[in-house]
Amino acid sequence: MGRHFRILVADRNPNVRELIQRELAMEGFEVEAARNGEEAARLVHGNSPPDLLILDPDLPYSGEVALLEKIQARRPPIPIVIHTFLAESSERGAGDGIQTYIEKNGNMDLLKDAVREMLARFYPERFSSVGEDAGEDL
């Protein structure tokens, strides 16, 4: 299903990065990982940016501009799934259409659903053609 989409997982915890990478790769997504904010920013602003970013908001980053702000300034923008703890997500709200918040609780189904929803919303033509190619009903 996800063979036409590239996803960047940026998380400070190597175990979380590996789990998400493995789970999304099994869904057919091409997945890259970043262990810090500098690496994530370089990949997002590089020649071949991801279609979607899964971001740990506590990712180490030493840039002058906040990492999320730097990523959101990218044009064209990319959708972001902010993978965080419940208290953080409830304080920040539901997102602005370019980003969404998912509780970091180990439930990979919720995270995969959020990824699919963001891809379908942000890339409707590509998402539908992937479903048709795979014979799936979206």
N, C-alpha and C. Protein backbone atom coordinates (compact mmCIF):
# COMPACT_ATOMS: atom_id res chain seq x y z
N MET A 1 0.82 -1.19 0.00
CA MET A 1 0.00 0.00 0.00
C MET A 1 0.86 1.25 0.00
N GLY A 2 1.93 1.28 0.78
CA GLY A 2 2.68 2.50 0.92
C GLY A 2 3.90 2.60 0.03
N ARG A 3 3.99 1.77 -0.98
CA ARG A 3 5.24 1.70 -1.74
C ARG A 3 5.60 2.99 -2.45
N HIS A 4 4.67 3.90 -2.62
CA HIS A 4 4.95 5.16 -3.31
C HIS A 4 5.21 6.31 -2.35
N PHE A 5 5.29 6.05 -1.07
CA PHE A 5 5.46 7.12 -0.09
C PHE A 5 6.72 6.89 0.74
N ARG A 6 7.44 8.01 0.98
CA ARG A 6 8.63 7.99 1.82
C ARG A 6 8.30 8.67 3.14
N ILE A 7 8.67 8.03 4.23
CA ILE A 7 8.38 8.55 5.56
C ILE A 7 9.69 8.68 6.33
N LEU A 8 9.83 9.80 7.03
CA LEU A 8 10.98 10.02 7.89
C LEU A 8 10.52 9.91 9.34
N VAL A 9 11.18 9.05 10.10
CA VAL A 9 10.90 8.88 11.53
C VAL A 9 12.03 9.57 12.29
N ALA A 10 11.70 10.62 13.03
CA ALA A 10 12.69 11.37 13.80
C ALA A 10 12.35 11.23 15.28
N ASP A 11 13.09 10.38 15.97
CA ASP A 11 12.83 10.12 17.38
C ASP A 11 14.15 9.96 18.11
N ARG A 12 14.21 10.47 19.34
CA ARG A 12 15.45 10.40 20.12
C ARG A 12 15.74 8.99 20.61
N ASN A 13 14.72 8.13 20.70
CA ASN A 13 14.88 6.78 21.24
C ASN A 13 15.12 5.79 20.10
N PRO A 14 16.28 5.13 20.09
CA PRO A 14 16.57 4.19 18.99
C PRO A 14 15.58 3.03 18.93
N ASN A 15 15.07 2.59 20.06
CA ASN A 15 14.09 1.49 20.06
C ASN A 15 12.79 1.91 19.40
N VAL A 16 12.35 3.13 19.68
CA VAL A 16 11.12 3.66 19.06
C VAL A 16 11.33 3.82 17.56
N ARG A 17 12.48 4.39 17.18
CA ARG A 17 12.78 4.55 15.74
C ARG A 17 12.73 3.21 15.02
N GLU A 18 13.39 2.21 15.59
CA GLU A 18 13.44 0.89 14.95
C GLU A 18 12.06 0.25 14.87
N LEU A 19 11.27 0.36 15.93
CA LEU A 19 9.92 -0.22 15.93
C LEU A 19 9.06 0.43 14.85
N ILE A 20 9.06 1.74 14.80
CA ILE A 20 8.24 2.44 13.80
C ILE A 20 8.74 2.13 12.39
N GLN A 21 10.05 2.13 12.20
CA GLN A 21 10.61 1.80 10.88
C GLN A 21 10.15 0.42 10.44
N ARG A 22 10.28 -0.55 11.31
CA ARG A 22 9.91 -1.93 10.99
C ARG A 22 8.42 -2.04 10.67
N GLU A 23 7.58 -1.44 11.50
CA GLU A 23 6.13 -1.53 11.31
C GLU A 23 5.69 -0.87 10.00
N LEU A 24 6.24 0.29 9.69
CA LEU A 24 5.85 0.99 8.46
C LEU A 24 6.43 0.31 7.23
N ALA A 25 7.63 -0.24 7.34
CA ALA A 25 8.21 -0.98 6.21
C ALA A 25 7.37 -2.21 5.89
N MET A 26 6.82 -2.85 6.92
CA MET A 26 5.94 -4.01 6.69
C MET A 26 4.66 -3.60 5.98
N GLU A 27 4.28 -2.32 6.09
CA GLU A 27 3.10 -1.80 5.39
C GLU A 27 3.45 -1.38 3.96
N GLY A 28 4.72 -1.46 3.60
CA GLY A 28 5.14 -1.13 2.25
C GLY A 28 5.70 0.27 2.07
N PHE A 29 5.84 1.03 3.16
CA PHE A 29 6.40 2.37 3.07
C PHE A 29 7.92 2.31 2.99
N GLU A 30 8.50 3.28 2.31
CA GLU A 30 9.95 3.47 2.35
C GLU A 30 10.22 4.36 3.56
N VAL A 31 11.04 3.90 4.49
CA VAL A 31 11.21 4.60 5.76
C VAL A 31 12.68 4.93 6.01
N GLU A 32 12.93 6.17 6.39
CA GLU A 32 14.25 6.62 6.83
C GLU A 32 14.13 7.03 8.28
N ALA A 33 15.27 7.12 8.97
CA ALA A 33 15.25 7.51 10.37
C ALA A 33 16.27 8.61 10.63
N ALA A 34 15.93 9.47 11.59
CA ALA A 34 16.84 10.53 12.05
C ALA A 34 16.91 10.44 13.56
N ARG A 35 18.12 10.54 14.09
CA ARG A 35 18.29 10.40 15.54
C ARG A 35 18.36 11.74 16.27
N ASN A 36 18.45 12.84 15.49
CA ASN A 36 18.48 14.16 16.12
C ASN A 36 17.88 15.19 15.16
N GLY A 37 17.69 16.39 15.67
CA GLY A 37 17.04 17.42 14.88
C GLY A 37 17.83 17.88 13.67
N GLU A 38 19.15 17.91 13.81
CA GLU A 38 19.98 18.33 12.68
C GLU A 38 19.82 17.36 11.51
N GLU A 39 19.84 16.07 11.82
CA GLU A 39 19.67 15.04 10.79
C GLU A 39 18.28 15.15 10.16
N ALA A 40 17.26 15.33 10.99
CA ALA A 40 15.89 15.45 10.48
C ALA A 40 15.76 16.67 9.56
N ALA A 41 16.29 17.82 9.99
CA ALA A 41 16.21 19.04 9.18
C ALA A 41 16.94 18.86 7.86
N ARG A 42 18.10 18.22 7.89
CA ARG A 42 18.87 17.99 6.66
C ARG A 42 18.08 17.12 5.68
N LEU A 43 17.44 16.06 6.18
CA LEU A 43 16.67 15.17 5.30
C LEU A 43 15.41 15.85 4.77
N VAL A 44 14.74 16.63 5.61
CA VAL A 44 13.51 17.32 5.19
C VAL A 44 13.82 18.38 4.13
N HIS A 45 14.94 19.06 4.28
CA HIS A 45 15.29 20.14 3.35
C HIS A 45 16.23 19.67 2.24
N GLY A 46 16.48 18.37 2.14
CA GLY A 46 17.39 17.83 1.14
C GLY A 46 16.75 17.71 -0.24
N ASN A 47 17.49 17.09 -1.15
CA ASN A 47 17.05 16.93 -2.54
C ASN A 47 15.87 15.98 -2.69
N SER A 48 15.74 15.04 -1.78
CA SER A 48 14.67 14.04 -1.87
C SER A 48 13.92 13.98 -0.54
N PRO A 49 13.12 15.02 -0.24
CA PRO A 49 12.45 15.10 1.06
C PRO A 49 11.40 14.00 1.22
N PRO A 50 11.08 13.66 2.46
CA PRO A 50 10.05 12.65 2.70
C PRO A 50 8.66 13.20 2.36
N ASP A 51 7.73 12.28 2.18
CA ASP A 51 6.33 12.67 1.96
C ASP A 51 5.64 12.99 3.28
N LEU A 52 6.18 12.45 4.39
CA LEU A 52 5.57 12.64 5.70
C LEU A 52 6.66 12.49 6.75
N LEU A 53 6.53 13.23 7.84
CA LEU A 53 7.48 13.18 8.95
C LEU A 53 6.75 12.74 10.20
N ILE A 54 7.30 11.75 10.90
CA ILE A 54 6.84 11.38 12.24
C ILE A 54 7.89 11.95 13.18
N LEU A 55 7.48 12.90 14.03
CA LEU A 55 8.42 13.69 14.81
C LEU A 55 8.18 13.56 16.31
N ASP A 56 9.26 13.25 17.03
CA ASP A 56 9.29 13.33 18.48
C ASP A 56 9.60 14.79 18.81
N PRO A 57 8.69 15.53 19.46
CA PRO A 57 8.93 16.95 19.70
C PRO A 57 10.08 17.22 20.66
N ASP A 58 10.56 16.19 21.36
CA ASP A 58 11.68 16.36 22.28
C ASP A 58 13.01 15.92 21.66
N LEU A 59 13.03 15.81 20.35
CA LEU A 59 14.23 15.42 19.63
C LEU A 59 15.34 16.45 19.87
N PRO A 60 16.55 16.00 20.22
CA PRO A 60 17.64 16.95 20.42
C PRO A 60 17.91 17.77 19.15
N TYR A 61 18.03 19.09 19.33
CA TYR A 61 18.29 19.99 18.20
C TYR A 61 18.96 21.25 18.72
N SER A 62 20.01 21.66 18.06
CA SER A 62 20.75 22.83 18.54
C SER A 62 20.67 24.02 17.59
N GLY A 63 19.75 24.00 16.65
CA GLY A 63 19.62 25.10 15.69
C GLY A 63 19.11 26.37 16.34
N GLU A 64 19.29 27.48 15.63
CA GLU A 64 18.84 28.77 16.14
C GLU A 64 17.32 28.91 16.11
N VAL A 65 16.69 28.28 15.13
CA VAL A 65 15.23 28.31 15.01
C VAL A 65 14.71 26.97 15.52
N ALA A 66 13.58 26.96 16.21
CA ALA A 66 13.00 25.71 16.71
C ALA A 66 12.81 24.73 15.54
N LEU A 67 13.06 23.46 15.80
CA LEU A 67 13.02 22.45 14.74
C LEU A 67 11.67 22.41 14.04
N LEU A 68 10.57 22.37 14.79
CA LEU A 68 9.25 22.30 14.17
C LEU A 68 9.00 23.53 13.28
N GLU A 69 9.41 24.69 13.76
CA GLU A 69 9.26 25.92 12.98
C GLU A 69 10.08 25.85 11.69
N LYS A 70 11.29 25.34 11.78
CA LYS A 70 12.16 25.21 10.60
C LYS A 70 11.53 24.25 9.59
N ILE A 71 10.99 23.14 10.07
CA ILE A 71 10.38 22.15 9.17
C ILE A 71 9.10 22.71 8.56
N GLN A 72 8.30 23.41 9.36
CA GLN A 72 7.04 23.96 8.84
C GLN A 72 7.28 25.08 7.83
N ALA A 73 8.46 25.68 7.83
CA ALA A 73 8.77 26.74 6.88
C ALA A 73 9.09 26.18 5.49
N ARG A 74 9.27 24.88 5.39
CA ARG A 74 9.61 24.25 4.12
C ARG A 74 8.47 24.42 3.12
N ARG A 75 8.82 24.72 1.88
CA ARG A 75 7.83 24.84 0.81
C ARG A 75 8.22 23.94 -0.33
N PRO A 76 7.33 23.10 -0.84
CA PRO A 76 5.99 22.90 -0.28
C PRO A 76 6.08 22.19 1.07
N PRO A 77 5.09 22.44 1.92
CA PRO A 77 5.12 21.83 3.25
C PRO A 77 4.91 20.32 3.19
N ILE A 78 5.35 19.65 4.23
CA ILE A 78 5.08 18.21 4.33
C ILE A 78 4.24 17.97 5.58
N PRO A 79 3.37 16.97 5.53
CA PRO A 79 2.57 16.66 6.71
C PRO A 79 3.45 16.07 7.82
N ILE A 80 3.06 16.37 9.05
CA ILE A 80 3.83 15.94 10.21
C ILE A 80 2.90 15.25 11.19
N VAL A 81 3.29 14.06 11.63
CA VAL A 81 2.62 13.38 12.74
C VAL A 81 3.53 13.59 13.94
N ILE A 82 3.05 14.35 14.91
CA ILE A 82 3.83 14.59 16.11
C ILE A 82 3.51 13.46 17.08
N HIS A 83 4.51 12.65 17.34
CA HIS A 83 4.39 11.44 18.16
C HIS A 83 4.87 11.80 19.56
N THR A 84 3.93 12.01 20.47
CA THR A 84 4.25 12.60 21.76
C THR A 84 3.45 11.94 22.87
N PHE A 85 3.69 12.40 24.09
CA PHE A 85 2.95 11.87 25.23
C PHE A 85 1.62 12.62 25.37
N LEU A 86 0.62 11.98 25.96
CA LEU A 86 -0.74 12.51 26.03
C LEU A 86 -0.81 13.92 26.60
N ALA A 87 -0.13 14.17 27.71
CA ALA A 87 -0.21 15.49 28.33
C ALA A 87 0.23 16.57 27.35
N GLU A 88 1.29 16.28 26.58
CA GLU A 88 1.77 17.26 25.61
C GLU A 88 0.75 17.50 24.51
N SER A 89 0.17 16.42 23.98
CA SER A 89 -0.75 16.57 22.85
C SER A 89 -2.03 17.27 23.26
N SER A 90 -2.53 17.02 24.46
CA SER A 90 -3.77 17.67 24.87
C SER A 90 -3.55 19.16 25.09
N GLU A 91 -2.33 19.56 25.49
CA GLU A 91 -2.04 20.97 25.66
C GLU A 91 -1.96 21.69 24.32
N ARG A 92 -1.54 20.99 23.29
CA ARG A 92 -1.30 21.62 21.99
C ARG A 92 -2.49 21.56 21.06
N GLY A 93 -3.47 20.76 21.35
CA GLY A 93 -4.64 20.69 20.48
C GLY A 93 -4.51 19.64 19.41
N ALA A 94 -5.41 19.68 18.45
CA ALA A 94 -5.53 18.60 17.47
C ALA A 94 -4.68 18.80 16.22
N GLY A 95 -4.00 19.89 16.09
CA GLY A 95 -3.20 20.10 14.89
C GLY A 95 -3.84 21.13 13.98
N ASP A 96 -3.14 21.46 12.92
CA ASP A 96 -3.61 22.53 12.04
C ASP A 96 -3.87 22.07 10.61
N GLY A 97 -4.02 20.79 10.39
CA GLY A 97 -4.24 20.29 9.04
C GLY A 97 -2.96 19.83 8.38
N ILE A 98 -1.84 20.44 8.74
CA ILE A 98 -0.54 20.00 8.22
C ILE A 98 0.08 19.05 9.23
N GLN A 99 -0.34 19.14 10.47
CA GLN A 99 0.19 18.25 11.48
C GLN A 99 -0.93 17.68 12.33
N THR A 100 -0.64 16.53 12.91
CA THR A 100 -1.57 15.90 13.83
C THR A 100 -0.76 15.34 14.98
N TYR A 101 -1.41 15.14 16.11
CA TYR A 101 -0.74 14.63 17.30
C TYR A 101 -1.24 13.23 17.61
N ILE A 102 -0.30 12.33 17.88
CA ILE A 102 -0.64 10.96 18.27
C ILE A 102 0.09 10.65 19.57
N GLU A 103 -0.63 10.07 20.51
CA GLU A 103 -0.04 9.72 21.79
C GLU A 103 1.01 8.63 21.61
N LYS A 104 2.14 8.82 22.26
CA LYS A 104 3.23 7.85 22.24
C LYS A 104 2.94 6.82 23.34
N ASN A 105 2.20 5.77 22.96
CA ASN A 105 1.81 4.76 23.95
C ASN A 105 2.08 3.34 23.47
N GLY A 106 2.78 3.20 22.35
CA GLY A 106 3.11 1.87 21.85
C GLY A 106 2.08 1.27 20.92
N ASN A 107 0.95 1.96 20.70
CA ASN A 107 -0.10 1.43 19.83
C ASN A 107 0.24 1.78 18.37
N MET A 108 0.83 0.82 17.68
CA MET A 108 1.25 1.06 16.30
C MET A 108 0.07 1.21 15.35
N ASP A 109 -1.05 0.59 15.66
CA ASP A 109 -2.23 0.72 14.78
C ASP A 109 -2.70 2.17 14.72
N LEU A 110 -2.73 2.85 15.87
CA LEU A 110 -3.12 4.27 15.88
C LEU A 110 -2.15 5.11 15.07
N LEU A 111 -0.88 4.84 15.22
CA LEU A 111 0.12 5.60 14.48
C LEU A 111 -0.01 5.34 12.98
N LYS A 112 -0.16 4.07 12.59
CA LYS A 112 -0.31 3.75 11.16
C LYS A 112 -1.58 4.36 10.58
N ASP A 113 -2.66 4.37 11.36
CA ASP A 113 -3.90 5.01 10.89
C ASP A 113 -3.68 6.51 10.67
N ALA A 114 -2.97 7.15 11.59
CA ALA A 114 -2.70 8.59 11.45
C ALA A 114 -1.84 8.85 10.21
N VAL A 115 -0.87 8.00 9.96
CA VAL A 115 -0.02 8.14 8.77
C VAL A 115 -0.87 8.03 7.51
N ARG A 116 -1.72 7.00 7.45
CA ARG A 116 -2.57 6.83 6.26
C ARG A 116 -3.52 8.01 6.08
N GLU A 117 -4.12 8.49 7.18
CA GLU A 117 -5.05 9.62 7.09
C GLU A 117 -4.34 10.88 6.60
N MET A 118 -3.15 11.15 7.11
CA MET A 118 -2.41 12.34 6.67
C MET A 118 -2.00 12.22 5.21
N LEU A 119 -1.56 11.04 4.78
CA LEU A 119 -1.18 10.86 3.38
C LEU A 119 -2.39 11.01 2.47
N ALA A 120 -3.53 10.45 2.88
CA ALA A 120 -4.75 10.56 2.06
C ALA A 120 -5.21 12.01 1.97
N ARG A 121 -5.08 12.76 3.06
CA ARG A 121 -5.51 14.15 3.07
C ARG A 121 -4.55 15.04 2.27
N PHE A 122 -3.27 14.77 2.39
CA PHE A 122 -2.27 15.63 1.79
C PHE A 122 -1.97 15.28 0.34
N TYR A 123 -2.09 14.00 -0.02
CA TYR A 123 -1.78 13.53 -1.37
C TYR A 123 -2.95 12.69 -1.89
N PRO A 124 -4.14 13.26 -2.05
CA PRO A 124 -5.32 12.44 -2.39
C PRO A 124 -5.18 11.67 -3.71
N GLU A 125 -4.60 12.29 -4.73
CA GLU A 125 -4.48 11.60 -6.02
C GLU A 125 -3.53 10.41 -5.92
N ARG A 126 -2.38 10.64 -5.32
CA ARG A 126 -1.40 9.56 -5.18
C ARG A 126 -1.94 8.46 -4.27
N PHE A 127 -2.61 8.84 -3.19
CA PHE A 127 -3.10 7.85 -2.24
C PHE A 127 -4.16 6.97 -2.90
N SER A 128 -5.08 7.58 -3.68
CA SER A 128 -6.12 6.77 -4.34
C SER A 128 -5.52 5.84 -5.37
N SER A 129 -4.53 6.31 -6.12
CA SER A 129 -3.96 5.44 -7.15
C SER A 129 -3.20 4.28 -6.53
N VAL A 130 -2.61 4.48 -5.37
CA VAL A 130 -1.94 3.38 -4.68
C VAL A 130 -2.98 2.35 -4.27
N GLY A 131 -4.12 2.80 -3.73
CA GLY A 131 -5.18 1.88 -3.33
C GLY A 131 -5.73 1.12 -4.51
N GLU A 132 -5.91 1.81 -5.65
CA GLU A 132 -6.42 1.14 -6.85
C GLU A 132 -5.42 0.11 -7.35
N ASP A 133 -4.12 0.46 -7.34
CA ASP A 133 -3.10 -0.47 -7.78
C ASP A 133 -3.10 -1.73 -6.94
N ALA A 134 -3.36 -1.56 -5.65
CA ALA A 134 -3.33 -2.70 -4.75
C ALA A 134 -4.68 -3.40 -4.68
N GLY A 135 -5.69 -2.84 -5.36
CA GLY A 135 -7.02 -3.44 -5.34
C GLY A 135 -7.74 -3.23 -4.03
N GLU A 136 -7.37 -2.17 -3.31
CA GLU A 136 -7.98 -1.91 -2.02
C GLU A 136 -9.10 -0.89 -2.14
N ASP A 137 -10.05 -0.98 -1.25
CA ASP A 137 -11.10 0.04 -1.16
C ASP A 137 -10.67 1.03 -0.11
N LEU A 138 -10.57 2.28 -0.49
CA LEU A 138 -10.21 3.30 0.47
C LEU A 138 -11.46 4.01 0.82
